[in-house]
Amino acid sequence: MERHGKETHVTTEEARAGSTPHIVRYVLGISLFLSIVGLILVWLLVGPSQLP
């Protein structure tokens, strides 16, 4: 941490108060994949029954 007059400059790690393990990108990727698969299954199972 550095002080320049009334300003305080901190590094990114100090501002976060910890590290970022990058788990969020895996959770987002897996949930996106599962939601797409779920929507495809609904479309395949329910879609044909809605035909006239």
Protein backbone atom coordinates (compact mmCIF):
# COMPACT_ATOMS: atom_id res chain seq x y z
CA MET A 1 0.00 0.00 0.00
CA GLU A 2 1.32 3.41 -0.94
CA ARG A 3 0.19 6.81 0.21
CA HIS A 4 0.44 9.92 -1.92
CA GLY A 5 -0.91 12.79 0.13
CA LYS A 6 -4.53 11.93 0.93
CA GLU A 7 -4.69 9.18 -1.72
CA THR A 8 -4.07 5.54 -0.89
CA HIS A 9 -2.99 3.18 -3.67
CA VAL A 10 -3.44 -0.56 -3.13
CA THR A 11 -2.64 -3.51 -5.37
CA THR A 12 -5.35 -5.71 -6.85
CA GLU A 13 -4.66 -8.52 -4.38
CA GLU A 14 -4.88 -6.15 -1.43
CA ALA A 15 -8.16 -4.68 -2.69
CA ARG A 16 -9.70 -8.14 -3.09
CA ALA A 17 -8.36 -9.33 0.25
CA GLY A 18 -7.45 -12.68 -1.27
CA SER A 19 -6.90 -14.61 -4.45
CA THR A 20 -9.31 -15.63 -7.20
CA PRO A 21 -9.25 -19.37 -7.98
CA HIS A 22 -11.10 -19.08 -11.35
CA ILE A 23 -13.78 -21.59 -10.32
CA VAL A 24 -16.54 -19.27 -11.51
CA ARG A 25 -15.73 -19.84 -15.17
CA TYR A 26 -16.15 -23.61 -14.72
CA VAL A 27 -19.47 -23.18 -12.91
CA LEU A 28 -20.74 -20.85 -15.65
CA GLY A 29 -19.58 -23.16 -18.42
CA ILE A 30 -21.14 -26.27 -16.88
CA SER A 31 -24.43 -24.50 -16.11
CA LEU A 32 -24.59 -23.08 -19.65
CA PHE A 33 -24.03 -26.56 -21.10
CA LEU A 34 -26.67 -28.13 -18.84
CA SER A 35 -29.23 -25.44 -19.61
CA ILE A 36 -28.72 -25.88 -23.37
CA VAL A 37 -29.08 -29.67 -23.05
CA GLY A 38 -32.23 -29.20 -20.95
CA LEU A 39 -33.80 -26.85 -23.47
CA ILE A 40 -33.00 -29.25 -26.33
CA LEU A 41 -34.62 -32.11 -24.41
CA VAL A 42 -37.74 -30.06 -23.73
CA TRP A 43 -37.89 -29.03 -27.38
CA LEU A 44 -37.56 -32.65 -28.55
CA LEU A 45 -40.04 -34.11 -26.05
CA VAL A 46 -42.71 -31.41 -25.96
CA GLY A 47 -42.31 -29.86 -29.41
CA PRO A 48 -43.65 -32.75 -31.50
CA SER A 49 -46.77 -33.11 -29.31
CA GLN A 50 -47.70 -29.47 -30.07
CA LEU A 51 -48.04 -30.13 -33.83
CA PRO A 52 -51.59 -29.92 -35.28
